[in-house]
């Protein structure tokens, strides 16, 4: 019984999570790479995997105490606990699959992206804009006729994850320069491609 429970827990954990990683990868390629990150950070995913592996380890530990031969010993209470833990793991697995199926719906994915975007905007601009008087102010025209732009190349390939806006503004003010961003956050940039122009 113990070896059967241990084997089934490992098999269920391996098959379930490999199938889910494929489904999450597909959703990630269709919508956003954040889907995979959200799946990895999901507390229920972590708890479910932990319970399945925990039941497996528990069964192995109890199995080690079973003795055969003249001094035969089978811990009946520990075997009963293993059966109850297996039932709990199966119930948690069914709830987990229901949870993941709901999480991978298009509406839920877009809702989580919108929520993360709002949090990011609040982090970049912590002070709410309550004064509307600046809306009608004229933006000073900067003459760019005959201006030579110098590109700042990327040192390695990858996605742009964030920008140090304050640092860029300080550097531009110190050098009396204008910085034009050539790529936006979230874009993939190959090594040597211009990130910005000065």
C-alpha atoms as a PDB file:
ATOM      1  CA  UNK A   1       0.000   0.000   0.000  1.00  0.00           C
ATOM      2  CA  UNK A   2       2.757   2.437   0.957  1.00  0.00           C
ATOM      3  CA  UNK A   3       4.803   1.751  -2.162  1.00  0.00           C
ATOM      4  CA  UNK A   4       1.702   2.086  -4.343  1.00  0.00           C
ATOM      5  CA  UNK A   5       0.803   5.461  -2.769  1.00  0.00           C
ATOM      6  CA  UNK A   6       4.405   6.703  -3.074  1.00  0.00           C
ATOM      7  CA  UNK A   7       4.660   5.655  -6.729  1.00  0.00           C
ATOM      8  CA  UNK A   8       1.297   7.134  -7.660  1.00  0.00           C
ATOM      9  CA  UNK A   9       2.070  10.478  -5.963  1.00  0.00           C
ATOM     10  CA  UNK A  10       5.323  10.876  -7.879  1.00  0.00           C
ATOM     11  CA  UNK A  11       3.687   9.834 -11.148  1.00  0.00           C
ATOM     12  CA  UNK A  12       0.733  12.170 -10.665  1.00  0.00           C
ATOM     13  CA  UNK A  13       3.023  15.088  -9.731  1.00  0.00           C
ATOM     14  CA  UNK A  14       5.287  14.519 -12.733  1.00  0.00           C
ATOM     15  CA  UNK A  15       2.532  14.048 -15.309  1.00  0.00           C
ATOM     16  CA  UNK A  16       0.306  16.849 -14.002  1.00  0.00           C
ATOM     17  CA  UNK A  17       2.994  19.468 -13.795  1.00  0.00           C
ATOM     18  CA  UNK A  18       4.591  18.589 -17.131  1.00  0.00           C
ATOM     19  CA  UNK A  19       1.211  18.845 -18.881  1.00  0.00           C
ATOM     20  CA  UNK A  20       0.508  22.127 -17.088  1.00  0.00           C
ATOM     21  CA  UNK A  21       3.883  23.588 -18.016  1.00  0.00           C
ATOM     22  CA  UNK A  22       3.092  22.854 -21.676  1.00  0.00           C
ATOM     23  CA  UNK A  23      -0.322  24.533 -21.358  1.00  0.00           C
ATOM     24  CA  UNK A  24       1.138  27.526 -19.531  1.00  0.00           C
ATOM     25  CA  UNK A  25       3.944  27.823 -22.102  1.00  0.00           C
ATOM     26  CA  UNK A  26       1.405  27.902 -24.892  1.00  0.00           C
ATOM     27  CA  UNK A  27      -0.655  30.558 -23.107  1.00  0.00           C
ATOM     28  CA  UNK A  28       2.562  32.453 -22.433  1.00  0.00           C
ATOM     29  CA  UNK A  29       3.480  32.520 -26.116  1.00  0.00           C
ATOM     30  CA  UNK A  30      -0.026  33.647 -27.123  1.00  0.00           C
ATOM     31  CA  UNK A  31      -0.573  36.355 -24.511  1.00  0.00           C
ATOM     32  CA  UNK A  32       2.452  37.399 -22.466  1.00  0.00           C
ATOM     33  CA  UNK A  33       5.547  35.864 -20.841  1.00  0.00           C
ATOM     34  CA  UNK A  34       4.090  37.003 -17.505  1.00  0.00           C
ATOM     35  CA  UNK A  35       1.756  33.976 -17.548  1.00  0.00           C
ATOM     36  CA  UNK A  36       4.665  31.647 -16.763  1.00  0.00           C
ATOM     37  CA  UNK A  37       5.896  33.942 -13.998  1.00  0.00           C
ATOM     38  CA  UNK A  38       2.428  34.101 -12.460  1.00  0.00           C
ATOM     39  CA  UNK A  39       2.144  30.304 -12.618  1.00  0.00           C
ATOM     40  CA  UNK A  40       5.483  29.898 -10.831  1.00  0.00           C
ATOM     41  CA  UNK A  41       4.484  32.420  -8.145  1.00  0.00           C
ATOM     42  CA  UNK A  42       1.002  30.953  -7.662  1.00  0.00           C
ATOM     43  CA  UNK A  43       0.719  29.837  -4.023  1.00  0.00           C
ATOM     44  CA  UNK A  44      -1.713  27.000  -4.815  1.00  0.00           C
ATOM     45  CA  UNK A  45       0.719  25.552  -7.392  1.00  0.00           C
ATOM     46  CA  UNK A  46       3.482  25.561  -4.809  1.00  0.00           C
ATOM     47  CA  UNK A  47       1.271  24.021  -2.114  1.00  0.00           C
ATOM     48  CA  UNK A  48      -0.039  21.295  -4.442  1.00  0.00           C
ATOM     49  CA  UNK A  49       3.425  20.274  -5.594  1.00  0.00           C
ATOM     50  CA  UNK A  50       4.631  20.378  -1.992  1.00  0.00           C
ATOM     51  CA  UNK A  51       1.782  18.150  -0.771  1.00  0.00           C
ATOM     52  CA  UNK A  52       2.279  15.578  -3.547  1.00  0.00           C
ATOM     53  CA  UNK A  53       6.027  15.383  -2.923  1.00  0.00           C
ATOM     54  CA  UNK A  54       5.435  15.440   0.851  1.00  0.00           C
ATOM     55  CA  UNK A  55       3.100  12.416   0.710  1.00  0.00           C
ATOM     56  CA  UNK A  56       5.696  10.614  -1.424  1.00  0.00           C
ATOM     57  CA  UNK A  57       8.472  11.331   1.105  1.00  0.00           C
ATOM     58  CA  UNK A  58       6.211  10.370   4.031  1.00  0.00           C
ATOM     59  CA  UNK A  59       5.430   7.017   2.415  1.00  0.00           C
ATOM     60  CA  UNK A  60       9.124   6.353   1.821  1.00  0.00           C
ATOM     61  CA  UNK A  61       9.992   7.148   5.444  1.00  0.00           C
ATOM     62  CA  UNK A  62       7.204   4.912   6.787  1.00  0.00           C
ATOM     63  CA  UNK A  63       8.114   2.182   4.297  1.00  0.00           C
ATOM     64  CA  UNK A  64      11.611   2.140   5.767  1.00  0.00           C
ATOM     65  CA  UNK A  65      10.213   1.211   9.196  1.00  0.00           C
ATOM     66  CA  UNK A  66       8.322  -1.827   7.871  1.00  0.00           C
ATOM     67  CA  UNK A  67      10.139  -5.056   8.769  1.00  0.00           C
ATOM     68  CA  UNK A  68       9.493  -8.564   7.532  1.00  0.00           C
ATOM     69  CA  UNK A  69      10.751 -11.872   8.829  1.00  0.00           C
ATOM     70  CA  UNK A  70      10.625 -13.178  12.395  1.00  0.00           C
ATOM     71  CA  UNK A  71      10.347  -9.666  13.940  1.00  0.00           C
ATOM     72  CA  UNK A  72       7.637  -8.484  11.544  1.00  0.00           C
ATOM     73  CA  UNK A  73       6.443  -4.907  12.104  1.00  0.00           C
ATOM     74  CA  UNK A  74       3.881  -2.909  10.127  1.00  0.00           C
ATOM     75  CA  UNK A  75       2.919   0.500  11.564  1.00  0.00           C
ATOM     76  CA  UNK A  76      -0.848   0.386  11.038  1.00  0.00           C
ATOM     77  CA  UNK A  77      -1.476   3.954  12.199  1.00  0.00           C
ATOM     78  CA  UNK A  78       1.206   5.318   9.841  1.00  0.00           C
ATOM     79  CA  UNK A  79      -0.299   3.373   6.923  1.00  0.00           C
ATOM     80  CA  UNK A  80      -3.748   4.779   7.766  1.00  0.00           C
ATOM     81  CA  UNK A  81      -2.247   8.290   7.867  1.00  0.00           C
ATOM     82  CA  UNK A  82      -0.664   7.658   4.453  1.00  0.00           C
ATOM     83  CA  UNK A  83      -4.045   6.687   3.022  1.00  0.00           C
ATOM     84  CA  UNK A  84      -5.681   9.824   4.464  1.00  0.00           C
ATOM     85  CA  UNK A  85      -2.841  11.985   3.116  1.00  0.00           C
ATOM     86  CA  UNK A  86      -3.263  10.373  -0.319  1.00  0.00           C
ATOM     87  CA  UNK A  87      -6.992  11.218  -0.283  1.00  0.00           C
ATOM     88  CA  UNK A  88      -6.174  14.781   0.759  1.00  0.00           C
ATOM     89  CA  UNK A  89      -3.585  15.044  -2.041  1.00  0.00           C
ATOM     90  CA  UNK A  90      -6.098  13.793  -4.636  1.00  0.00           C
ATOM     91  CA  UNK A  91      -8.729  16.303  -3.447  1.00  0.00           C
ATOM     92  CA  UNK A  92      -6.154  19.116  -3.550  1.00  0.00           C
ATOM     93  CA  UNK A  93      -5.071  18.012  -7.033  1.00  0.00           C
ATOM     94  CA  UNK A  94      -8.642  18.189  -8.343  1.00  0.00           C
ATOM     95  CA  UNK A  95      -9.091  21.679  -6.872  1.00  0.00           C
ATOM     96  CA  UNK A  96      -5.710  22.712  -8.306  1.00  0.00           C
ATOM     97  CA  UNK A  97      -6.652  21.587 -11.841  1.00  0.00           C
ATOM     98  CA  UNK A  98      -9.932  23.526 -11.562  1.00  0.00           C
ATOM     99  CA  UNK A  99      -7.983  26.584 -10.350  1.00  0.00           C
ATOM    100  CA  UNK A 100      -5.449  26.410 -13.202  1.00  0.00           C
ATOM    101  CA  UNK A 101      -8.173  25.932 -15.820  1.00  0.00           C
ATOM    102  CA  UNK A 102      -9.771  29.157 -14.600  1.00  0.00           C
ATOM    103  CA  UNK A 103      -6.428  30.951 -14.420  1.00  0.00           C
ATOM    104  CA  UNK A 104      -5.638  30.201 -18.082  1.00  0.00           C
ATOM    105  CA  UNK A 105      -8.862  31.800 -19.366  1.00  0.00           C
ATOM    106  CA  UNK A 106      -8.196  34.777 -21.635  1.00  0.00           C
ATOM    107  CA  UNK A 107     -10.208  37.193 -19.498  1.00  0.00           C
ATOM    108  CA  UNK A 108      -8.343  36.241 -16.331  1.00  0.00           C
ATOM    109  CA  UNK A 109      -4.957  36.591 -18.059  1.00  0.00           C
ATOM    110  CA  UNK A 110      -5.819  40.035 -19.417  1.00  0.00           C
ATOM    111  CA  UNK A 111      -7.209  41.099 -16.043  1.00  0.00           C
ATOM    112  CA  UNK A 112      -3.974  40.114 -14.252  1.00  0.00           C
ATOM    113  CA  UNK A 113      -1.911  41.941 -16.893  1.00  0.00           C
ATOM    114  CA  UNK A 114      -4.013  45.084 -16.414  1.00  0.00           C
ATOM    115  CA  UNK A 115      -3.643  44.828 -12.641  1.00  0.00           C
ATOM    116  CA  UNK A 116       0.162  44.401 -12.856  1.00  0.00           C
ATOM    117  CA  UNK A 117       0.354  47.341 -15.283  1.00  0.00           C
ATOM    118  CA  UNK A 118      -1.610  49.584 -12.906  1.00  0.00           C
ATOM    119  CA  UNK A 119       0.715  48.608 -10.043  1.00  0.00           C
ATOM    120  CA  UNK A 120       3.764  49.368 -12.222  1.00  0.00           C
ATOM    121  CA  UNK A 121       2.364  52.769 -13.223  1.00  0.00           C
ATOM    122  CA  UNK A 122       1.671  53.590  -9.563  1.00  0.00           C
ATOM    123  CA  UNK A 123       5.232  52.582  -8.688  1.00  0.00           C
ATOM    124  CA  UNK A 124       6.761  54.780 -11.424  1.00  0.00           C
ATOM    125  CA  UNK A 125       4.410  57.724 -10.773  1.00  0.00           C
ATOM    126  CA  UNK A 126       3.618  57.528  -7.032  1.00  0.00           C
ATOM    127  CA  UNK A 127       2.109  61.010  -6.742  1.00  0.00           C
ATOM    128  CA  UNK A 128      -1.391  61.332  -8.208  1.00  0.00           C
ATOM    129  CA  UNK A 129      -1.841  64.071 -10.790  1.00  0.00           C
ATOM    130  CA  UNK A 130      -4.482  66.385  -9.342  1.00  0.00           C
ATOM    131  CA  UNK A 131      -3.449  69.717 -10.865  1.00  0.00           C
ATOM    132  CA  UNK A 132      -4.777  70.134 -14.417  1.00  0.00           C
ATOM    133  CA  UNK A 133      -3.197  73.549 -14.970  1.00  0.00           C
ATOM    134  CA  UNK A 134      -0.153  72.066 -16.663  1.00  0.00           C
ATOM    135  CA  UNK A 135      -2.238  70.611 -19.504  1.00  0.00           C
ATOM    136  CA  UNK A 136      -2.508  73.917 -21.388  1.00  0.00           C
ATOM    137  CA  UNK A 137       1.161  74.871 -21.000  1.00  0.00           C
ATOM    138  CA  UNK A 138       2.973  75.055 -24.343  1.00  0.00           C
ATOM    139  CA  UNK A 139       5.697  72.500 -24.873  1.00  0.00           C
ATOM    140  CA  UNK A 140       8.903  74.243 -25.915  1.00  0.00           C
ATOM    141  CA  UNK A 141       9.859  73.406 -29.469  1.00  0.00           C
ATOM    142  CA  UNK A 142      13.336  71.917 -29.825  1.00  0.00           C
ATOM    143  CA  UNK A 143      14.836  72.466 -33.262  1.00  0.00           C
ATOM    144  CA  UNK A 144      16.164  69.164 -34.608  1.00  0.00           C
ATOM    145  CA  UNK A 145      17.033  70.376 -38.117  1.00  0.00           C
ATOM    146  CA  UNK A 146      20.544  69.255 -38.928  1.00  0.00           C
ATOM    147  CA  UNK A 147      20.901  67.518 -35.540  1.00  0.00           C
ATOM    148  CA  UNK A 148      23.150  64.503 -35.480  1.00  0.00           C
ATOM    149  CA  UNK A 149      21.818  61.633 -33.403  1.00  0.00           C
ATOM    150  CA  UNK A 150      24.261  59.222 -31.751  1.00  0.00           C
ATOM    151  CA  UNK A 151      22.898  55.764 -30.988  1.00  0.00           C
ATOM    152  CA  UNK A 152      23.543  53.963 -27.698  1.00  0.00           C
ATOM    153  CA  UNK A 153      23.888  50.256 -28.557  1.00  0.00           C
ATOM    154  CA  UNK A 154      22.740  47.370 -26.376  1.00  0.00           C
ATOM    155  CA  UNK A 155      25.621  45.451 -24.815  1.00  0.00           C
ATOM    156  CA  UNK A 156      23.714  42.156 -24.931  1.00  0.00           C
ATOM    157  CA  UNK A 157      20.511  40.706 -26.349  1.00  0.00           C
ATOM    158  CA  UNK A 158      17.341  40.511 -24.251  1.00  0.00           C
ATOM    159  CA  UNK A 159      14.062  42.128 -23.280  1.00  0.00           C
ATOM    160  CA  UNK A 160      13.977  45.646 -21.853  1.00  0.00           C
ATOM    161  CA  UNK A 161      12.585  45.177 -18.347  1.00  0.00           C
ATOM    162  CA  UNK A 162      12.753  48.692 -16.913  1.00  0.00           C
ATOM    163  CA  UNK A 163      14.232  52.162 -17.436  1.00  0.00           C
ATOM    164  CA  UNK A 164      16.010  54.414 -14.961  1.00  0.00           C
ATOM    165  CA  UNK A 165      14.003  57.482 -15.967  1.00  0.00           C
ATOM    166  CA  UNK A 166      15.532  59.678 -13.255  1.00  0.00           C
ATOM    167  CA  UNK A 167      19.071  58.700 -14.257  1.00  0.00           C
ATOM    168  CA  UNK A 168      18.361  59.343 -17.935  1.00  0.00           C
ATOM    169  CA  UNK A 169      16.876  62.764 -17.147  1.00  0.00           C
ATOM    170  CA  UNK A 170      19.811  63.745 -14.887  1.00  0.00           C
ATOM    171  CA  UNK A 171      22.348  62.698 -17.516  1.00  0.00           C
ATOM    172  CA  UNK A 172      20.490  64.538 -20.281  1.00  0.00           C
ATOM    173  CA  UNK A 173      20.261  67.716 -18.175  1.00  0.00           C
ATOM    174  CA  UNK A 174      23.933  67.526 -17.165  1.00  0.00           C
ATOM    175  CA  UNK A 175      25.078  67.085 -20.775  1.00  0.00           C
ATOM    176  CA  UNK A 176      22.533  69.569 -22.180  1.00  0.00           C
ATOM    177  CA  UNK A 177      21.279  66.830 -24.488  1.00  0.00           C
ATOM    178  CA  UNK A 178      18.027  65.299 -25.644  1.00  0.00           C
ATOM    179  CA  UNK A 179      17.515  61.556 -25.269  1.00  0.00           C
ATOM    180  CA  UNK A 180      15.168  59.784 -27.673  1.00  0.00           C
ATOM    181  CA  UNK A 181      14.180  56.252 -26.657  1.00  0.00           C
ATOM    182  CA  UNK A 182      14.340  53.920 -29.650  1.00  0.00           C
ATOM    183  CA  UNK A 183      12.834  50.876 -27.915  1.00  0.00           C
ATOM    184  CA  UNK A 184      10.030  50.542 -25.354  1.00  0.00           C
ATOM    185  CA  UNK A 185       9.855  48.444 -22.205  1.00  0.00           C
ATOM    186  CA  UNK A 186       8.969  44.869 -23.094  1.00  0.00           C
ATOM    187  CA  UNK A 187      10.615  44.922 -26.532  1.00  0.00           C
ATOM    188  CA  UNK A 188      13.337  42.470 -27.465  1.00  0.00           C
ATOM    189  CA  UNK A 189      16.631  44.102 -28.422  1.00  0.00           C
ATOM    190  CA  UNK A 190      19.473  42.328 -30.203  1.00  0.00           C
ATOM    191  CA  UNK A 191      23.056  43.044 -29.198  1.00  0.00           C
ATOM    192  CA  UNK A 192      24.398  46.124 -30.979  1.00  0.00           C
ATOM    193  CA  UNK A 193      20.927  47.540 -31.762  1.00  0.00           C
ATOM    194  CA  UNK A 194      20.327  51.132 -30.629  1.00  0.00           C
ATOM    195  CA  UNK A 195      18.424  51.369 -27.319  1.00  0.00           C
ATOM    196  CA  UNK A 196      18.311  55.153 -27.380  1.00  0.00           C
ATOM    197  CA  UNK A 197      19.738  58.072 -29.331  1.00  0.00           C
ATOM    198  CA  UNK A 198      21.368  61.226 -27.958  1.00  0.00           C
END
